[in-house]
N, C-alpha and C. Protein backbone atom coordinates (compact mmCIF):
# COMPACT_ATOMS: atom_id res chain seq x y z
N MET A 1 18.80 -4.38 -40.31
CA MET A 1 18.53 -4.63 -38.92
C MET A 1 17.51 -3.61 -38.47
N ARG A 2 16.55 -4.28 -37.66
CA ARG A 2 15.38 -3.45 -37.15
C ARG A 2 15.36 -3.72 -35.72
N ALA A 3 14.78 -2.65 -34.99
CA ALA A 3 14.65 -2.81 -33.59
C ALA A 3 13.25 -2.05 -33.25
N LEU A 4 12.48 -2.66 -32.56
CA LEU A 4 11.17 -2.03 -32.11
C LEU A 4 11.46 -1.77 -30.68
N ILE A 5 11.55 -0.37 -30.39
CA ILE A 5 11.87 0.00 -29.01
C ILE A 5 10.59 0.53 -28.40
N GLN A 6 10.57 0.30 -27.04
CA GLN A 6 9.49 0.86 -26.15
C GLN A 6 10.07 1.48 -24.97
N ARG A 7 9.43 2.62 -24.65
CA ARG A 7 9.87 3.27 -23.43
C ARG A 7 8.74 2.45 -22.35
N VAL A 8 9.55 1.97 -21.38
CA VAL A 8 8.81 1.20 -20.26
C VAL A 8 9.15 1.66 -18.90
N GLN A 9 8.11 1.35 -18.10
CA GLN A 9 8.37 1.59 -16.66
C GLN A 9 8.99 0.43 -16.01
N HIS A 10 8.81 -0.76 -16.56
CA HIS A 10 9.32 -2.03 -16.17
C HIS A 10 9.25 -2.99 -17.09
N ALA A 11 10.20 -3.93 -17.40
CA ALA A 11 10.09 -4.92 -18.28
C ALA A 11 10.85 -6.17 -17.84
N SER A 12 10.44 -7.37 -18.16
CA SER A 12 11.22 -8.58 -17.72
C SER A 12 11.02 -9.63 -18.81
N VAL A 13 11.85 -10.65 -18.72
CA VAL A 13 11.86 -11.74 -19.66
C VAL A 13 12.06 -12.95 -18.77
N THR A 14 11.26 -14.07 -19.12
CA THR A 14 11.19 -15.35 -18.27
C THR A 14 11.35 -16.44 -19.47
N VAL A 15 12.17 -17.44 -18.89
CA VAL A 15 12.37 -18.53 -19.82
C VAL A 15 12.22 -19.82 -18.83
N ASP A 16 11.44 -20.80 -19.11
CA ASP A 16 11.17 -21.93 -18.17
C ASP A 16 10.96 -21.42 -16.85
N GLU A 17 10.03 -20.58 -16.74
CA GLU A 17 9.52 -19.93 -15.36
C GLU A 17 10.65 -19.32 -14.49
N GLN A 18 11.87 -19.00 -15.13
CA GLN A 18 12.93 -18.26 -14.51
C GLN A 18 13.12 -16.95 -15.13
N CYS A 19 13.11 -15.82 -14.22
CA CYS A 19 13.23 -14.54 -14.81
C CYS A 19 14.83 -14.48 -15.07
N ILE A 20 15.08 -14.22 -16.45
CA ILE A 20 16.54 -14.00 -16.81
C ILE A 20 16.99 -12.77 -17.12
N GLY A 21 16.09 -11.82 -17.16
CA GLY A 21 16.48 -10.30 -17.55
C GLY A 21 15.38 -9.40 -17.00
N GLU A 22 15.67 -8.35 -16.51
CA GLU A 22 14.69 -7.42 -15.79
C GLU A 22 15.19 -6.07 -15.73
N ILE A 23 14.39 -5.08 -16.02
CA ILE A 23 14.88 -3.68 -15.94
C ILE A 23 13.71 -2.94 -15.33
N GLY A 24 14.00 -1.67 -14.67
CA GLY A 24 13.04 -0.83 -14.33
C GLY A 24 12.71 0.20 -15.38
N ARG A 25 12.61 1.42 -15.13
CA ARG A 25 12.54 2.43 -16.23
C ARG A 25 13.52 2.26 -17.25
N GLY A 26 13.04 2.41 -18.50
CA GLY A 26 14.15 2.33 -19.55
C GLY A 26 13.52 1.95 -20.93
N VAL A 27 14.23 1.17 -21.66
CA VAL A 27 13.91 0.82 -23.04
C VAL A 27 13.90 -0.73 -23.24
N LEU A 28 12.77 -1.30 -23.61
CA LEU A 28 12.74 -2.55 -24.07
C LEU A 28 12.86 -2.65 -25.63
N ALA A 29 13.88 -3.31 -26.07
CA ALA A 29 14.18 -3.31 -27.48
C ALA A 29 14.06 -4.82 -28.05
N TYR A 30 13.19 -4.99 -29.06
CA TYR A 30 13.08 -6.34 -29.84
C TYR A 30 13.85 -6.01 -31.02
N VAL A 31 14.84 -6.91 -31.34
CA VAL A 31 15.95 -6.75 -32.26
C VAL A 31 15.74 -7.86 -33.28
N GLY A 32 15.63 -7.53 -34.64
CA GLY A 32 15.59 -8.37 -35.67
C GLY A 32 16.95 -8.32 -36.59
N LEU A 33 17.59 -9.33 -36.92
CA LEU A 33 18.79 -9.29 -37.69
C LEU A 33 18.56 -9.80 -39.14
N GLY A 34 18.92 -9.04 -40.19
CA GLY A 34 18.85 -9.48 -41.47
C GLY A 34 20.17 -10.09 -42.15
N PRO A 35 20.14 -10.80 -43.13
CA PRO A 35 21.24 -11.52 -43.70
C PRO A 35 22.47 -10.67 -44.05
N ASP A 36 22.15 -9.32 -44.20
CA ASP A 36 23.33 -8.45 -44.65
C ASP A 36 23.95 -7.63 -43.31
N ASP A 37 23.33 -7.92 -42.23
CA ASP A 37 23.78 -7.11 -40.94
C ASP A 37 25.35 -7.53 -40.61
N THR A 38 25.94 -6.68 -39.90
CA THR A 38 27.25 -6.91 -39.51
C THR A 38 27.46 -6.36 -38.17
N LEU A 39 28.57 -6.61 -37.64
CA LEU A 39 28.93 -6.03 -36.31
C LEU A 39 28.85 -4.44 -36.33
N GLN A 40 29.25 -3.90 -37.35
CA GLN A 40 29.15 -2.37 -37.56
C GLN A 40 27.86 -2.09 -37.50
N SER A 41 26.88 -2.71 -38.22
CA SER A 41 25.42 -2.25 -38.19
C SER A 41 24.77 -2.48 -36.78
N ALA A 42 25.26 -3.54 -36.07
CA ALA A 42 24.86 -3.71 -34.72
C ALA A 42 25.30 -2.67 -33.80
N GLN A 43 26.54 -2.25 -34.00
CA GLN A 43 27.15 -1.22 -33.22
C GLN A 43 26.30 0.12 -33.30
N ARG A 44 26.09 0.36 -34.72
CA ARG A 44 25.03 1.60 -35.10
C ARG A 44 23.82 1.54 -34.31
N MET A 45 23.21 0.35 -34.39
CA MET A 45 21.88 0.15 -33.78
C MET A 45 21.93 0.31 -32.33
N ILE A 46 23.00 -0.20 -31.55
CA ILE A 46 22.99 -0.01 -30.13
C ILE A 46 23.19 1.63 -29.79
N ASP A 47 23.98 2.12 -30.56
CA ASP A 47 24.25 3.63 -30.43
C ASP A 47 23.03 4.37 -30.49
N LYS A 48 22.25 3.99 -31.57
CA LYS A 48 20.95 4.64 -31.76
C LYS A 48 19.93 4.41 -30.67
N ILE A 49 19.83 3.17 -30.25
CA ILE A 49 19.03 2.91 -29.07
C ILE A 49 19.32 3.68 -27.84
N LEU A 50 20.61 3.63 -27.59
CA LEU A 50 21.02 4.34 -26.45
C LEU A 50 20.94 5.92 -26.39
N THR A 51 20.87 6.55 -27.68
CA THR A 51 20.79 7.82 -27.81
C THR A 51 19.57 8.44 -28.30
N TYR A 52 18.53 7.64 -28.60
CA TYR A 52 17.27 7.94 -29.00
C TYR A 52 16.62 8.66 -28.01
N ARG A 53 16.12 9.97 -28.27
CA ARG A 53 15.49 10.57 -27.26
C ARG A 53 14.07 10.47 -27.13
N ILE A 54 13.63 9.62 -26.02
CA ILE A 54 12.19 9.21 -25.99
C ILE A 54 11.84 9.48 -24.45
N PHE A 55 12.48 10.11 -23.72
CA PHE A 55 11.99 10.50 -22.36
C PHE A 55 11.97 11.98 -22.13
N GLU A 56 11.04 12.40 -21.36
CA GLU A 56 10.79 13.85 -21.12
C GLU A 56 11.90 14.36 -20.23
N ASN A 57 12.00 15.64 -20.52
CA ASN A 57 12.99 16.43 -19.65
C ASN A 57 12.32 17.12 -18.53
N ALA A 58 12.40 16.30 -17.46
CA ALA A 58 11.71 16.96 -16.24
C ALA A 58 12.48 18.06 -15.50
N ASP A 59 13.88 18.15 -16.02
CA ASP A 59 14.71 19.00 -15.23
C ASP A 59 14.43 20.55 -15.70
N ASP A 60 13.90 20.79 -16.90
CA ASP A 60 13.72 22.09 -17.48
C ASP A 60 12.22 22.35 -17.74
N PRO A 61 11.53 23.21 -17.02
CA PRO A 61 10.16 23.47 -17.13
C PRO A 61 9.85 24.00 -18.39
N ALA A 62 10.84 24.64 -19.15
CA ALA A 62 10.61 25.10 -20.50
C ALA A 62 10.43 23.87 -21.53
N LYS A 63 10.87 22.88 -21.14
CA LYS A 63 10.90 21.71 -22.07
C LYS A 63 9.91 20.61 -21.59
N ALA A 64 9.18 20.98 -20.69
CA ALA A 64 8.24 20.09 -20.15
C ALA A 64 7.25 19.41 -21.21
N GLY A 65 7.16 18.13 -21.17
CA GLY A 65 6.51 17.26 -22.03
C GLY A 65 7.24 16.99 -23.46
N LYS A 66 8.38 17.60 -23.68
CA LYS A 66 9.24 17.23 -24.93
C LYS A 66 9.95 16.20 -24.66
N LEU A 67 10.17 15.22 -25.70
CA LEU A 67 10.95 14.03 -25.65
C LEU A 67 12.47 14.53 -25.83
N ASP A 68 13.07 14.71 -24.80
CA ASP A 68 14.50 15.40 -24.93
C ASP A 68 15.58 14.72 -24.33
N LYS A 69 15.33 13.57 -23.70
CA LYS A 69 16.51 12.80 -22.98
C LYS A 69 16.45 11.31 -23.45
N ASN A 70 17.63 10.68 -23.61
CA ASN A 70 17.66 9.48 -23.97
C ASN A 70 17.83 8.45 -22.56
N VAL A 71 17.91 7.16 -22.88
CA VAL A 71 18.07 6.36 -21.65
C VAL A 71 19.21 6.40 -20.89
N GLN A 72 20.39 6.81 -21.47
CA GLN A 72 21.63 7.02 -20.81
C GLN A 72 21.59 8.17 -19.94
N GLN A 73 20.81 9.28 -20.45
CA GLN A 73 20.68 10.43 -19.54
C GLN A 73 19.91 10.31 -18.39
N ILE A 74 18.95 9.37 -18.44
CA ILE A 74 17.95 9.17 -17.28
C ILE A 74 18.44 8.03 -16.29
N GLY A 75 19.66 7.37 -16.85
CA GLY A 75 20.15 6.22 -16.00
C GLY A 75 19.31 5.03 -16.08
N GLY A 76 18.51 4.95 -17.32
CA GLY A 76 17.57 3.83 -17.20
C GLY A 76 18.18 2.37 -17.80
N GLY A 77 17.45 1.44 -17.68
CA GLY A 77 17.88 -0.01 -18.11
C GLY A 77 17.44 -0.11 -19.63
N VAL A 78 18.23 -1.16 -20.22
CA VAL A 78 17.92 -1.58 -21.54
C VAL A 78 17.68 -3.05 -21.47
N LEU A 79 16.67 -3.53 -21.96
CA LEU A 79 16.39 -5.08 -22.06
C LEU A 79 16.34 -5.41 -23.59
N LEU A 80 17.42 -6.16 -23.99
CA LEU A 80 17.48 -6.67 -25.41
C LEU A 80 16.88 -7.98 -25.62
N VAL A 81 15.94 -8.12 -26.57
CA VAL A 81 15.36 -9.53 -26.88
C VAL A 81 15.51 -9.64 -28.39
N SER A 82 15.98 -10.81 -28.70
CA SER A 82 16.12 -11.16 -30.03
C SER A 82 14.68 -11.45 -30.59
N GLN A 83 14.49 -11.03 -31.74
CA GLN A 83 13.00 -11.27 -32.36
C GLN A 83 13.19 -11.22 -33.83
N PHE A 84 13.37 -12.46 -34.46
CA PHE A 84 13.62 -12.59 -35.81
C PHE A 84 12.27 -12.21 -36.59
N THR A 85 11.16 -12.30 -36.01
CA THR A 85 9.90 -12.02 -36.54
C THR A 85 9.78 -10.67 -37.20
N LEU A 86 10.50 -9.74 -36.56
CA LEU A 86 10.68 -8.30 -37.15
C LEU A 86 11.13 -8.26 -38.55
N MET A 87 11.86 -9.16 -38.98
CA MET A 87 12.29 -9.27 -40.33
C MET A 87 11.40 -9.94 -41.30
N ALA A 88 10.26 -10.31 -40.85
CA ALA A 88 9.23 -10.96 -41.75
C ALA A 88 8.72 -10.02 -42.88
N LYS A 89 8.39 -10.55 -43.97
CA LYS A 89 7.91 -9.92 -45.05
C LYS A 89 6.31 -10.07 -44.96
N THR A 90 5.54 -9.09 -44.75
CA THR A 90 4.14 -9.17 -44.64
C THR A 90 3.39 -8.53 -45.73
N ASP A 91 4.01 -8.07 -46.75
CA ASP A 91 3.28 -7.35 -47.77
C ASP A 91 2.25 -8.23 -48.62
N LYS A 92 2.50 -9.56 -48.75
CA LYS A 92 1.62 -10.42 -49.51
C LYS A 92 1.10 -11.53 -48.70
N GLY A 93 -0.05 -11.96 -49.02
CA GLY A 93 -0.69 -13.15 -48.41
C GLY A 93 -1.17 -12.82 -47.00
N ARG A 94 -1.36 -13.88 -46.45
CA ARG A 94 -1.87 -14.13 -44.97
C ARG A 94 -0.72 -14.77 -44.05
N ARG A 95 0.38 -14.98 -44.49
CA ARG A 95 1.22 -15.73 -43.69
C ARG A 95 2.65 -15.10 -43.83
N PRO A 96 3.29 -14.78 -42.67
CA PRO A 96 4.48 -14.16 -42.87
C PRO A 96 5.60 -14.95 -43.42
N ASP A 97 6.51 -14.24 -44.13
CA ASP A 97 7.81 -14.95 -45.00
C ASP A 97 8.95 -14.49 -44.18
N PHE A 98 9.56 -15.39 -43.59
CA PHE A 98 10.83 -15.14 -42.78
C PHE A 98 12.08 -15.16 -43.48
N GLY A 99 11.94 -15.12 -44.76
CA GLY A 99 13.20 -15.19 -45.67
C GLY A 99 14.12 -13.94 -45.47
N GLY A 100 13.59 -12.93 -44.89
CA GLY A 100 14.28 -11.77 -44.62
C GLY A 100 15.05 -11.83 -43.35
N ALA A 101 15.08 -12.77 -42.63
CA ALA A 101 15.82 -13.16 -41.29
C ALA A 101 17.15 -13.76 -41.62
N MET A 102 18.15 -13.27 -40.77
CA MET A 102 19.43 -13.95 -40.87
C MET A 102 19.33 -15.32 -40.37
N ALA A 103 20.29 -16.28 -40.98
CA ALA A 103 20.24 -17.72 -40.49
C ALA A 103 20.45 -17.83 -39.09
N PRO A 104 19.82 -18.77 -38.38
CA PRO A 104 19.89 -18.79 -36.91
C PRO A 104 21.22 -18.84 -36.17
N ASP A 105 22.18 -19.64 -36.80
CA ASP A 105 23.52 -19.75 -36.29
C ASP A 105 24.31 -18.36 -36.32
N ALA A 106 24.23 -17.84 -37.47
CA ALA A 106 25.00 -16.42 -37.69
C ALA A 106 24.27 -15.47 -36.85
N ALA A 107 22.82 -15.42 -36.82
CA ALA A 107 22.16 -14.53 -35.95
C ALA A 107 22.61 -14.58 -34.49
N GLN A 108 22.64 -15.76 -33.94
CA GLN A 108 23.10 -15.91 -32.70
C GLN A 108 24.34 -15.36 -32.31
N ALA A 109 25.41 -15.65 -33.19
CA ALA A 109 26.77 -15.04 -33.01
C ALA A 109 26.79 -13.57 -33.04
N LEU A 110 25.98 -12.97 -34.09
CA LEU A 110 25.94 -11.61 -34.04
C LEU A 110 25.19 -10.97 -32.97
N PHE A 111 24.14 -11.51 -32.50
CA PHE A 111 23.37 -11.01 -31.34
C PHE A 111 24.17 -11.07 -30.03
N GLU A 112 25.01 -12.08 -29.88
CA GLU A 112 26.08 -12.18 -28.74
C GLU A 112 27.04 -10.91 -28.83
N GLN A 113 27.49 -10.64 -29.95
CA GLN A 113 28.37 -9.50 -30.15
C GLN A 113 27.62 -8.20 -29.88
N PHE A 114 26.49 -8.12 -30.36
CA PHE A 114 25.48 -6.96 -30.11
C PHE A 114 25.34 -6.72 -28.69
N ILE A 115 25.04 -7.75 -27.88
CA ILE A 115 25.02 -7.74 -26.38
C ILE A 115 26.29 -7.24 -25.87
N THR A 116 27.50 -7.87 -26.09
CA THR A 116 28.80 -7.45 -25.57
C THR A 116 28.96 -6.04 -25.91
N TYR A 117 28.67 -5.54 -26.97
CA TYR A 117 29.04 -4.12 -27.32
C TYR A 117 28.00 -3.22 -26.42
N ALA A 118 26.75 -3.61 -26.28
CA ALA A 118 25.96 -2.83 -25.58
C ALA A 118 26.33 -2.61 -24.20
N LYS A 119 26.87 -3.80 -23.64
CA LYS A 119 27.34 -3.72 -22.14
C LYS A 119 28.55 -3.00 -22.01
N THR A 120 29.30 -2.57 -22.96
CA THR A 120 30.46 -1.68 -22.94
C THR A 120 30.06 -0.28 -23.04
N GLN A 121 28.81 0.01 -23.45
CA GLN A 121 28.39 1.23 -23.86
C GLN A 121 27.51 1.76 -22.73
N HIS A 122 26.86 0.82 -21.97
CA HIS A 122 25.83 1.21 -20.99
C HIS A 122 25.84 0.20 -19.87
N PRO A 123 25.79 0.76 -18.52
CA PRO A 123 26.00 -0.08 -17.37
C PRO A 123 24.72 -1.03 -17.04
N ASN A 124 23.61 -0.67 -17.44
CA ASN A 124 22.38 -1.49 -17.27
C ASN A 124 21.78 -2.18 -18.33
N VAL A 125 22.29 -3.34 -18.80
CA VAL A 125 21.82 -3.89 -19.99
C VAL A 125 21.35 -5.35 -19.51
N ALA A 126 20.08 -5.72 -19.80
CA ALA A 126 19.60 -7.18 -19.58
C ALA A 126 19.24 -7.81 -20.93
N THR A 127 19.17 -9.02 -20.87
CA THR A 127 18.75 -9.76 -22.27
C THR A 127 17.86 -10.89 -22.02
N GLY A 128 17.19 -11.21 -23.09
CA GLY A 128 16.50 -12.43 -23.09
C GLY A 128 17.47 -13.60 -23.54
N GLN A 129 17.01 -14.61 -24.16
CA GLN A 129 17.81 -15.90 -24.50
C GLN A 129 17.45 -16.14 -25.90
N PHE A 130 18.58 -16.14 -26.68
CA PHE A 130 18.40 -16.26 -28.15
C PHE A 130 17.75 -17.60 -28.45
N GLY A 131 16.66 -17.61 -29.15
CA GLY A 131 16.05 -18.90 -29.65
C GLY A 131 15.24 -19.56 -28.68
N ALA A 132 15.10 -18.95 -27.46
CA ALA A 132 14.26 -19.61 -26.44
C ALA A 132 12.74 -19.08 -26.66
N ASP A 133 11.82 -19.87 -26.15
CA ASP A 133 10.47 -19.56 -25.90
C ASP A 133 10.50 -18.73 -24.65
N MET A 134 10.37 -17.37 -24.87
CA MET A 134 10.41 -16.27 -23.90
C MET A 134 9.01 -15.73 -23.61
N GLN A 135 8.86 -15.39 -22.37
CA GLN A 135 7.57 -14.64 -21.99
C GLN A 135 8.22 -13.27 -21.55
N VAL A 136 7.67 -12.29 -22.24
CA VAL A 136 8.19 -10.78 -22.08
C VAL A 136 6.93 -10.14 -21.41
N VAL A 137 7.15 -9.48 -20.20
CA VAL A 137 6.23 -8.73 -19.51
C VAL A 137 6.68 -7.21 -19.54
N SER A 138 5.92 -6.34 -19.87
CA SER A 138 6.42 -4.84 -19.84
C SER A 138 5.27 -3.97 -19.50
N ILE A 139 5.59 -2.87 -18.99
CA ILE A 139 4.54 -1.75 -18.64
C ILE A 139 4.98 -0.73 -19.54
N ASN A 140 4.43 -0.61 -20.80
CA ASN A 140 4.71 0.51 -21.70
C ASN A 140 4.41 1.78 -21.27
N ASP A 141 5.30 2.68 -21.25
CA ASP A 141 5.02 4.06 -20.60
C ASP A 141 4.80 5.03 -21.78
N GLY A 142 3.53 5.34 -21.84
CA GLY A 142 3.11 6.36 -22.95
C GLY A 142 1.86 6.00 -23.47
N PRO A 143 1.57 5.05 -24.20
CA PRO A 143 2.63 3.97 -24.74
C PRO A 143 3.49 4.79 -25.82
N LEU A 144 4.74 4.62 -25.86
CA LEU A 144 5.61 4.93 -26.84
C LEU A 144 6.35 3.67 -27.45
N ASN A 145 6.30 3.67 -28.81
CA ASN A 145 7.05 2.52 -29.56
C ASN A 145 7.53 3.16 -30.86
N PHE A 146 8.73 2.88 -31.05
CA PHE A 146 9.45 3.31 -32.32
C PHE A 146 10.13 2.16 -32.96
N LEU A 147 10.08 2.20 -34.39
CA LEU A 147 10.64 1.08 -35.10
C LEU A 147 11.94 1.78 -35.92
N LEU A 148 13.07 1.27 -35.30
CA LEU A 148 14.28 1.90 -35.89
C LEU A 148 15.07 0.89 -36.78
N GLU A 149 15.64 1.38 -37.78
CA GLU A 149 16.26 0.69 -38.73
C GLU A 149 17.66 1.30 -39.04
N VAL A 150 18.69 0.39 -39.25
CA VAL A 150 20.00 0.77 -39.63
C VAL A 150 20.41 -0.04 -40.84
């Protein structure tokens, strides 16, 4: 499982011209599921996303500028977007190989469990729509991007 996370000032996802998920300051996470991923790996990934320290500590002048707080500590939002292309193999040729992604039916079921668990761990979780043609708009804060793997 991979997640590309971005620290954002704002992010939203639109499907068929309808905004279906939106957050203010927080984390936009694009999530790719592989064939060996399980509910346990999904829970580890959510725990990692929620506790990954990518926000500055404005409370302590001695720690100014240091990435010392996580999204839970700042009360930020989390926008989860399924992104099977993160699992593409790109080391050979000029075309991505998506053989590293979980089959769509299994991935949808696991992604729904992923979202359910995330909502039990954090009060401000928004999502995209699995398998839909989504338009994602974000204001990347930094910019800060990290590729997480579990």
